[in-house]
Protein backbone atom coordinates (compact mmCIF):
# COMPACT_ATOMS: atom_id res chain seq x y z
CA MET A 1 40.90 -24.38 -21.29
CA ILE A 2 39.41 -27.72 -20.89
CA MET A 3 40.09 -30.27 -23.12
CA ALA A 4 37.14 -32.51 -24.58
CA ILE A 5 37.05 -36.14 -22.84
CA GLY A 6 38.90 -38.54 -25.49
CA GLN A 7 38.30 -42.44 -26.25
CA ARG A 8 41.76 -44.08 -24.15
CA GLU A 9 42.87 -45.80 -27.49
CA THR A 10 43.07 -42.24 -28.62
CA VAL A 11 44.40 -40.33 -26.33
CA MET A 12 48.48 -40.91 -26.95
CA PRO A 13 50.66 -42.76 -30.01
CA TYR A 14 50.96 -46.33 -29.17
CA ASN A 15 53.20 -48.15 -31.49
CA PRO A 16 52.49 -51.64 -29.46
CA GLY A 17 56.00 -52.84 -31.82
CA GLU A 18 57.85 -50.94 -29.75
CA LYS A 19 60.48 -52.88 -27.50
CA PRO A 20 60.26 -50.57 -23.45
CA ALA A 21 63.35 -48.98 -22.98
CA LEU A 22 64.72 -51.51 -19.93
CA CYS A 23 63.72 -55.12 -21.61
CA SER A 24 67.53 -56.01 -21.14
CA VAL A 25 69.16 -55.13 -18.36
CA ILE A 26 65.40 -56.64 -15.78
CA SER A 27 66.43 -59.61 -17.26
CA GLU A 28 68.97 -60.02 -14.69
CA CYS A 29 66.05 -60.38 -12.28
CA GLU A 30 64.41 -63.11 -10.52
CA SER A 31 60.79 -62.29 -10.78
CA ILE A 32 57.57 -61.76 -8.12
CA SER A 33 53.81 -62.87 -9.36
CA LEU A 34 50.98 -60.58 -8.75
CA SER A 35 49.66 -62.62 -6.50
CA GLU A 36 52.57 -63.52 -4.48
CA LEU A 37 53.37 -59.82 -4.16
CA GLU A 38 49.38 -59.14 -2.65
CA GLU A 39 50.61 -61.35 -0.17
CA THR A 40 53.82 -59.79 1.47
CA LYS A 41 53.37 -56.38 2.88
CA ALA A 42 55.07 -54.02 0.05
CA GLN A 43 51.02 -53.39 -1.45
CA LEU A 44 52.18 -50.31 0.49
CA LEU A 45 48.39 -48.36 -0.64
CA THR A 46 49.97 -46.10 2.99
CA ARG A 47 53.09 -45.50 2.45
CA VAL A 48 56.63 -42.78 1.99
CA GLU A 49 57.82 -41.93 -0.62
CA SER A 50 60.42 -41.24 -1.91
CA LYS A 51 61.14 -40.00 -5.82
CA HIS A 52 64.65 -39.51 -8.71
CA LEU A 53 64.46 -38.52 -12.11
CA MET A 54 67.80 -40.14 -13.48
CA THR A 55 68.58 -40.59 -17.31
CA LEU A 56 68.65 -44.31 -18.64
CA GLY A 57 71.44 -44.99 -18.64
CA GLN A 58 71.59 -44.07 -15.12
CA CYS A 59 68.24 -46.48 -14.71
CA ARG A 60 70.35 -49.43 -15.93
CA GLU A 61 73.22 -48.83 -13.67
CA LEU A 62 71.01 -48.83 -11.00
CA VAL A 63 68.92 -52.20 -11.36
CA ARG A 64 71.87 -54.13 -12.57
CA THR A 65 73.27 -52.74 -8.60
CA LEU A 66 69.58 -54.01 -7.22
CA ALA A 67 69.25 -57.11 -8.99
CA GLY A 68 70.55 -59.47 -5.67
CA SER A 69 68.39 -57.54 -4.13
CA TYR A 70 65.19 -56.43 -5.60
CA ARG A 71 62.61 -59.45 -7.58
CA ILE A 72 61.13 -57.49 -10.75
CA LEU A 73 56.94 -57.82 -10.42
CA GLU A 74 55.92 -60.05 -13.89
CA ILE A 75 52.05 -60.02 -14.85
CA GLN A 76 50.69 -62.51 -17.19
CA GLY A 77 54.18 -62.82 -18.50
CA ILE A 78 54.93 -58.91 -18.39
CA LYS A 79 57.56 -57.14 -16.70
CA ILE A 80 56.84 -53.56 -18.36
CA GLY A 81 53.22 -52.44 -18.47
CA ARG A 82 51.96 -49.45 -19.89
CA TYR A 83 50.31 -46.82 -17.68
CA GLU A 84 47.52 -44.67 -19.14
CA THR A 85 46.07 -41.98 -17.09
CA MET A 86 43.59 -39.37 -16.96
CA TYR A 87 44.27 -36.11 -14.63
CA TYR A 88 40.75 -34.24 -13.17
CA ASP A 89 41.44 -30.95 -11.93
CA THR A 90 38.74 -27.76 -11.88
CA PRO A 91 38.45 -24.91 -14.70
CA SER A 92 40.62 -22.91 -11.81
CA PHE A 93 43.04 -25.52 -11.41
CA LEU A 94 41.98 -25.67 -7.65
CA THR A 95 43.97 -29.29 -6.89
CA TYR A 96 47.25 -28.46 -9.05
CA LEU A 97 47.77 -24.69 -7.36
CA GLU A 98 46.82 -26.70 -3.43
CA HIS A 99 49.77 -28.27 -4.54
CA HIS A 100 52.30 -25.30 -5.50
CA ASN A 101 50.70 -23.18 -2.76
CA ARG A 102 52.08 -26.28 -0.43
CA LYS A 103 48.66 -27.04 1.04
CA GLY A 104 48.94 -29.79 4.13
CA ASN A 105 46.32 -31.88 2.77
CA ARG A 106 45.96 -32.53 -0.46
CA PHE A 107 43.95 -34.84 -2.84
CA LYS A 108 44.94 -35.30 -6.38
CA LEU A 109 42.06 -37.82 -9.01
CA ARG A 110 42.90 -39.18 -11.82
CA LEU A 111 41.52 -42.34 -14.55
CA ARG A 112 44.40 -45.01 -14.06
CA HIS A 113 44.53 -47.88 -17.06
CA TYR A 114 46.65 -50.83 -16.48
CA ASP A 115 46.97 -52.59 -20.09
CA THR A 116 49.21 -54.94 -18.76
CA SER A 117 45.60 -56.14 -16.65
CA ASP A 118 43.62 -54.91 -18.43
CA GLU A 119 41.86 -52.67 -15.84
CA THR A 120 40.88 -49.36 -14.55
CA TYR A 121 40.30 -47.82 -11.30
CA LEU A 122 39.18 -44.48 -10.31
CA GLU A 123 41.94 -43.38 -7.84
CA VAL A 124 42.21 -40.26 -5.00
CA LYS A 125 45.77 -40.36 -3.64
CA LYS A 126 45.97 -37.98 -0.34
CA LYS A 127 49.06 -36.51 0.55
CA THR A 128 48.95 -35.51 4.27
CA ASN A 129 50.82 -33.21 6.24
CA LYS A 130 53.11 -35.49 8.18
CA GLY A 131 54.52 -36.54 4.55
CA SER A 132 52.64 -40.08 4.29
CA THR A 133 50.25 -41.28 0.89
CA GLU A 134 47.58 -42.80 1.16
CA LYS A 135 45.82 -44.11 -1.69
CA SER A 136 42.05 -45.11 -2.15
CA ARG A 137 40.66 -46.18 -5.68
CA ILE A 138 37.31 -48.33 -7.05
CA ARG A 139 37.61 -50.59 -9.95
CA THR A 140 35.66 -49.62 -13.14
CA SER A 141 35.58 -48.57 -16.87
CA TRP A 142 36.95 -45.41 -18.91
CA SER A 143 34.52 -42.53 -19.20
CA THR A 144 33.68 -40.47 -22.06
CA SER A 145 31.02 -39.25 -20.27
CA GLY A 146 31.73 -37.83 -16.88
CA PHE A 147 31.50 -39.87 -13.21
CA SER A 148 29.32 -42.76 -13.52
CA PRO A 149 26.72 -43.23 -9.82
CA ASP A 150 29.25 -45.79 -8.26
CA GLN A 151 31.73 -43.34 -8.60
CA VAL A 152 30.12 -40.56 -7.88
CA ALA A 153 29.22 -42.43 -4.18
CA PHE A 154 33.20 -43.48 -4.23
CA LEU A 155 33.99 -39.91 -4.25
CA ARG A 156 31.27 -38.34 -1.89
CA ALA A 157 33.27 -40.92 0.54
CA ALA A 158 37.15 -40.52 -0.30
CA PHE A 159 37.36 -37.22 -2.11
CA PRO A 160 36.87 -33.40 -0.65
CA TYR A 161 35.01 -31.55 -3.13
CA ASP A 162 31.87 -31.52 -5.38
CA CYS A 163 33.00 -34.05 -8.22
CA ARG A 164 30.86 -32.18 -10.98
CA ALA A 165 33.60 -29.08 -10.65
CA PHE A 166 36.16 -31.71 -12.54
CA HIS A 167 36.80 -32.00 -15.54
CA PRO A 168 40.12 -33.90 -17.49
CA VAL A 169 43.07 -31.82 -17.87
CA LEU A 170 45.74 -33.65 -18.48
CA TRP A 171 46.24 -37.09 -19.68
CA THR A 172 49.48 -39.22 -19.41
CA VAL A 173 51.50 -42.22 -20.86
CA TYR A 174 54.53 -44.22 -19.79
CA ASN A 175 55.96 -47.70 -19.34
CA ARG A 176 56.69 -48.78 -15.59
CA CYS A 177 58.33 -52.10 -14.28
CA THR A 178 58.32 -52.15 -10.37
CA LEU A 179 61.06 -53.78 -8.02
CA VAL A 180 60.13 -55.22 -4.96
CA SER A 181 62.45 -56.05 -1.90
CA LYS A 182 62.85 -60.02 -1.11
CA LYS A 183 63.11 -58.24 2.79
CA ASN A 184 61.48 -55.22 3.85
CA PRO A 185 57.75 -53.85 2.91
CA GLU A 186 59.15 -51.80 -0.08
CA ARG A 187 59.09 -51.78 -3.57
CA ILE A 188 60.80 -48.90 -6.56
CA THR A 189 58.87 -48.34 -9.50
CA LEU A 190 61.06 -47.25 -12.77
CA ASP A 191 58.75 -45.02 -15.35
CA THR A 192 60.32 -44.69 -19.50
CA GLY A 193 59.12 -43.08 -22.08
CA ILE A 194 56.98 -40.52 -20.79
CA MET A 195 54.13 -38.59 -22.38
CA PHE A 196 51.90 -35.50 -21.34
CA GLY A 197 48.62 -34.31 -23.41
CA ASP A 198 46.25 -31.78 -22.95
CA GLY A 199 44.52 -33.30 -26.03
CA GLU A 200 45.89 -31.07 -28.23
CA LYS A 201 49.75 -31.12 -27.97
CA VAL A 202 51.85 -34.24 -26.46
CA ILE A 203 55.49 -33.74 -24.70
CA SER A 204 57.76 -36.70 -24.83
CA TYR A 205 61.10 -37.18 -22.18
CA PRO A 206 62.43 -39.85 -24.02
CA ASP A 207 65.60 -40.18 -22.15
CA LEU A 208 64.11 -39.42 -18.43
CA VAL A 209 62.98 -42.21 -16.09
CA ILE A 210 61.06 -41.72 -12.53
CA GLY A 211 62.15 -43.26 -10.17
CA GLU A 212 60.04 -43.78 -6.74
CA ILE A 213 60.81 -45.87 -3.88
CA LYS A 214 58.01 -46.92 -1.77
CA TYR A 215 58.45 -47.81 1.98
CA GLU A 216 56.56 -48.39 5.32
CA LYS A 217 57.82 -45.47 7.69
CA GLY A 218 61.05 -47.30 9.83
CA VAL A 219 62.78 -48.86 6.70
CA LYS A 220 66.41 -48.52 7.06
CA ASN A 221 69.54 -49.65 5.32
CA SER A 222 67.20 -49.64 2.08
CA PRO A 223 69.67 -51.07 -0.76
CA ALA A 224 67.88 -48.82 -3.20
CA LEU A 225 68.31 -45.89 -1.77
CA LEU A 226 71.72 -46.45 -0.93
CA ALA A 227 72.55 -46.74 -4.24
CA LEU A 228 71.08 -43.83 -5.24
CA HIS A 229 73.07 -42.00 -2.88
CA GLY A 230 76.29 -43.37 -4.02
CA MET A 231 75.60 -42.86 -7.50
CA SER A 232 74.66 -38.46 -6.10
CA ILE A 233 70.64 -39.06 -7.59
CA ARG A 234 69.41 -36.84 -4.89
CA LYS A 235 65.70 -37.18 -3.94
CA ARG A 236 62.55 -34.70 -5.73
CA ALA A 237 60.02 -33.48 -4.74
CA PHE A 238 58.20 -34.50 -8.49
CA SER A 239 54.14 -34.97 -9.32
CA LYS A 240 53.60 -35.93 -12.60
CA TYR A 241 50.26 -34.52 -12.58
CA CYS A 242 52.14 -30.54 -11.62
CA ILE A 243 54.60 -31.07 -14.20
CA GLY A 244 52.08 -31.85 -17.52
CA VAL A 245 50.16 -28.96 -16.19
CA SER A 246 52.88 -26.71 -15.55
CA LEU A 247 54.22 -27.53 -19.03
CA LEU A 248 51.08 -27.43 -21.39
CA TYR A 249 49.36 -24.87 -19.37
CA SER A 250 52.22 -22.46 -19.07
CA TRP A 251 49.97 -19.61 -18.20
CA LEU A 252 49.53 -20.69 -15.13
CA LYS A 253 52.10 -20.02 -12.11
CA HIS A 254 54.84 -22.66 -11.38
CA ASN A 255 57.99 -21.04 -9.88
CA ARG A 256 57.46 -24.45 -7.11
CA PHE A 257 58.30 -26.62 -10.07
CA LYS A 258 60.83 -24.55 -12.07
CA GLU A 259 63.95 -26.35 -10.99
CA ASN A 260 62.12 -29.75 -12.18
CA LEU A 261 61.10 -27.84 -15.19
CA LEU A 262 64.93 -26.88 -15.84
CA PHE A 263 65.97 -30.47 -15.88
CA LEU A 264 63.57 -31.73 -18.06
CA SER A 265 64.81 -28.58 -20.42
CA LYS A 266 68.28 -29.93 -19.95
CA LEU A 267 67.38 -33.51 -20.75
CA SER A 268 65.62 -33.13 -23.77
CA GLY A 269 68.79 -30.12 -25.34
CA GLY A 270 66.62 -26.77 -24.40
CA GLY A 271 63.09 -28.38 -25.35
CA THR A 272 60.21 -27.31 -23.95
CA ALA A 273 59.99 -25.89 -20.67
CA ALA A 274 57.50 -23.24 -18.74
CA CYS A 275 59.95 -21.35 -16.88
């Protein structure tokens, strides 16, 4: 099934008055502006990533532990921003299956809107066979009618497949805060309130936090990695796109993601899991 393309504002339910889950604890962190971030090496468009799943309670403990070593990104007075993402794939789910089958160099194609800055980017994310992540993107608008000529030109250079074969298959919405190391080219994103949707069904995990540490190769003695190790929160391979597709298109093979799907089922008290 390929879902119909809808307006961004109607893709997911949204209550603008709702208070994000980590509001109280991040107030303990010093702030860094977007312009200050851009002057550092912590933009990290080419990087190594380490993902960790945790509960809200564990995340609050982690942020309190790291408050002296990291600053929180603040944009226009906002420290927690809403991210809305539309992922594209072929009718046969080419990029999903390449990830599932552990293809060495693999890609994701997505359209992402950042509410805090009111900016939208078409993004190509490449995971190399050496374990690093590369991201290419262009600023654009949220499209409901396929790819524009400028987007097609960008994709011809950045994406190895014919974009005409790709259609929206998954939407995700979540709130994100970003911690930036005071010493290293490193940052941590903490995603809460995640929802997955396919245009017909929405699945949410209100107690889940997806933490991701992004850093240059060679960074050592990361306070975040040390704190997570001390909390017995281990590194996991986790893709929002692949997990969302596994949950909403359960007829696709998903053996590789079964451990994470069981974790989500346990977290939600035995809710939906495509196992």
